[in-house]
Each structure stands twice: as C-alpha cells, then as structure tokens.
Amino acid sequence: MEDSTMDLQNMDLQGGSLQISTEVIAKIARCAALEVEGVAEVSCGTQNKKLKDLLEASIQPPVAVEMRDGTAELTLHLIMTSGARIPAVAEKVQENVKSAVQNMTSVTVSRVNLVIAGLAAEQ
C-alpha cells in the first residue's frame, strides 16, 4: 500500500481545486468502523508480540488507502469484541466505511478489505 501522507485525491471545483489526502480518507474510515457495534478498535493487534513483531506492526498502518484511477481501495485491521458475529459485523463495517468515505469526500470506494487482527477480552 502507498504512503498515506503523500497520496492525494485531486478534484476540480468551480472556484479552484480540492485535494484530499489519503490520510484524511483513512481517518474517516477508522471513525466509521468504530461506529459499528462489535468493533473494539482499529488496530493491527500488537498485544502479546515480540519486539520484532511490534516493530513490523508499527510500520503497517491499521488503515491503508490505495488510490487507483480515482477510486479508493481500503484495508482496515480490526479488533473485534468478544462474542461478536464476525461476518455480520464485517459486512456492516464495509457498508459504513464505504458510505462515510463516499459521502464526505465524493471519492468512489471500490473495495473495503478487512483483516480481523484480534479479539478484545471481555470486561
């Protein structure tokens, strides 16, 4: 996936232009995923890992945005709540993320890929 701080989605507006960084798209996607019941956090799941694994996980962002021909493909790493019905929650996350990004930015979302990185312990 590309560096999210450098990639921009460019749009022509009547009075000028608009650039939306993929970092902004990633933040919108993260917030939309956290709105779904059953999602504990958006994270690569770095608990209980060795130092080498932690360093590698810190390089990989929990939300990655790849722009191709003006459309966005997103990959989110999620920690689910214990007892959540993962397929049902995943489908709701995909719908919520796609809708939020498209409504807030007018960027077409082609795919929302999810990686279930862990389960949150019951509290």
Protein backbone atom coordinates (compact mmCIF):
# COMPACT_ATOMS: atom_id res chain seq x y z
CA MET A 1 0.00 0.00 0.00
CA GLU A 2 1.14 3.53 -0.66
CA ASP A 3 2.31 6.11 1.87
CA SER A 4 -0.95 7.63 3.09
CA THR A 5 0.58 11.02 3.88
CA MET A 6 1.74 11.69 0.33
CA ASP A 7 -1.08 10.48 -1.91
CA LEU A 8 -3.79 13.00 -2.75
CA GLN A 9 -7.13 12.76 -4.47
CA ASN A 10 -7.47 15.79 -6.76
CA MET A 11 -10.81 17.26 -7.79
CA ASP A 12 -11.65 20.26 -9.90
CA LEU A 13 -14.19 22.62 -8.37
CA GLN A 14 -15.89 25.61 -9.89
CA GLY A 15 -13.77 28.09 -7.94
CA GLY A 16 -10.50 26.14 -7.94
CA SER A 17 -9.33 22.70 -6.93
CA LEU A 18 -9.60 20.40 -3.94
CA GLN A 19 -7.03 17.89 -2.73
CA ILE A 20 -7.93 15.27 -0.14
CA SER A 21 -5.03 13.29 1.32
CA THR A 22 -5.40 9.57 1.76
CA GLU A 23 -4.62 10.17 5.43
CA VAL A 24 -7.94 12.02 5.73
CA ILE A 25 -9.73 9.17 3.94
CA ALA A 26 -8.12 6.72 6.38
CA LYS A 27 -9.31 8.75 9.39
CA ILE A 28 -12.87 8.85 8.05
CA ALA A 29 -12.75 5.08 7.50
CA ARG A 30 -11.44 4.50 11.03
CA CYS A 31 -14.20 6.57 12.61
CA ALA A 32 -16.87 4.85 10.50
CA ALA A 33 -15.60 1.40 11.53
CA LEU A 34 -15.60 2.33 15.23
CA GLU A 35 -19.29 3.33 14.97
CA VAL A 36 -20.23 -0.30 14.31
CA GLU A 37 -21.22 -2.37 17.33
CA GLY A 38 -18.81 -5.28 17.66
CA VAL A 39 -15.68 -3.33 16.69
CA ALA A 40 -13.47 -2.77 19.74
CA GLU A 41 -10.69 -0.88 17.96
CA VAL A 42 -8.98 -0.29 14.65
CA SER A 43 -5.52 -1.72 15.21
CA CYS A 44 -3.03 -4.21 13.84
CA GLY A 45 -3.32 -6.11 17.13
CA THR A 46 0.12 -5.66 18.68
CA GLN A 47 -0.70 -7.19 22.06
CA ASN A 48 1.44 -10.12 23.26
CA LYS A 49 4.01 -9.91 20.48
CA LYS A 50 7.79 -9.93 20.48
CA LEU A 51 9.74 -6.73 19.89
CA LYS A 52 10.50 -7.67 16.27
CA ASP A 53 6.77 -8.21 15.61
CA LEU A 54 5.93 -4.90 17.30
CA LEU A 55 8.39 -3.03 15.10
CA GLU A 56 6.97 -4.63 11.95
CA ALA A 57 3.39 -3.91 13.06
CA SER A 58 4.24 -0.26 13.70
CA ILE A 59 5.26 0.09 10.05
CA GLN A 60 1.92 -1.25 8.84
CA PRO A 61 -0.90 1.25 9.42
CA PRO A 62 -4.21 -0.03 10.82
CA VAL A 63 -5.97 1.66 7.87
CA ALA A 64 -4.35 1.68 4.44
CA VAL A 65 -5.72 3.57 1.44
CA GLU A 66 -4.62 2.81 -2.09
CA MET A 67 -5.79 5.09 -4.89
CA ARG A 68 -6.22 3.60 -8.37
CA ASP A 69 -7.72 5.53 -11.28
CA GLY A 70 -9.59 7.89 -8.96
CA THR A 71 -11.08 5.16 -6.77
CA ALA A 72 -10.02 4.10 -3.31
CA GLU A 73 -9.33 0.60 -2.02
CA LEU A 74 -9.19 0.49 1.77
CA THR A 75 -7.79 -2.14 4.10
CA LEU A 76 -8.67 -1.95 7.81
CA HIS A 77 -7.26 -4.06 10.63
CA LEU A 78 -9.87 -4.57 13.34
CA ILE A 79 -10.02 -5.86 16.88
CA MET A 80 -13.49 -7.29 17.42
CA THR A 81 -15.34 -7.53 20.71
CA SER A 82 -15.54 -10.99 22.19
CA GLY A 83 -18.79 -12.68 21.19
CA ALA A 84 -19.34 -10.54 18.07
CA ARG A 85 -20.70 -12.30 15.00
CA ILE A 86 -17.70 -11.53 12.82
CA PRO A 87 -19.27 -11.95 9.34
CA ALA A 88 -22.28 -9.77 10.21
CA VAL A 89 -20.13 -7.09 11.86
CA ALA A 90 -17.68 -7.16 8.94
CA GLU A 91 -20.47 -6.58 6.43
CA LYS A 92 -21.79 -3.63 8.46
CA VAL A 93 -18.26 -2.17 8.73
CA GLN A 94 -17.80 -2.42 4.96
CA GLU A 95 -21.11 -0.66 4.33
CA ASN A 96 -20.48 2.04 6.94
CA VAL A 97 -16.91 2.78 5.77
CA LYS A 98 -17.84 2.91 2.09
CA SER A 99 -20.82 5.17 2.76
CA ALA A 100 -18.92 7.55 5.06
CA VAL A 101 -15.93 7.97 2.75
CA GLN A 102 -18.07 8.46 -0.36
CA ASN A 103 -20.46 10.89 1.37
CA MET A 104 -17.75 13.02 2.97
CA THR A 105 -15.24 13.11 0.11
CA SER A 106 -17.05 12.14 -3.13
CA VAL A 107 -14.24 9.61 -3.64
CA THR A 108 -15.56 6.31 -5.02
CA VAL A 109 -14.63 3.33 -2.84
CA SER A 110 -14.07 0.19 -4.90
CA ARG A 111 -13.30 -2.19 -2.03
CA VAL A 112 -13.18 -2.30 1.75
CA ASN A 113 -10.92 -5.17 2.83
CA LEU A 114 -10.96 -6.22 6.48
CA VAL A 115 -8.35 -8.06 8.49
CA ILE A 116 -9.55 -9.33 11.85
CA ALA A 117 -6.38 -8.88 13.88
CA GLY A 118 -7.72 -9.96 17.27
CA LEU A 119 -10.47 -10.17 19.84
CA ALA A 120 -10.84 -7.81 22.75
CA ALA A 121 -11.06 -9.50 26.13
CA GLU A 122 -14.41 -9.25 27.86
CA GLN A 123 -14.51 -6.64 30.62
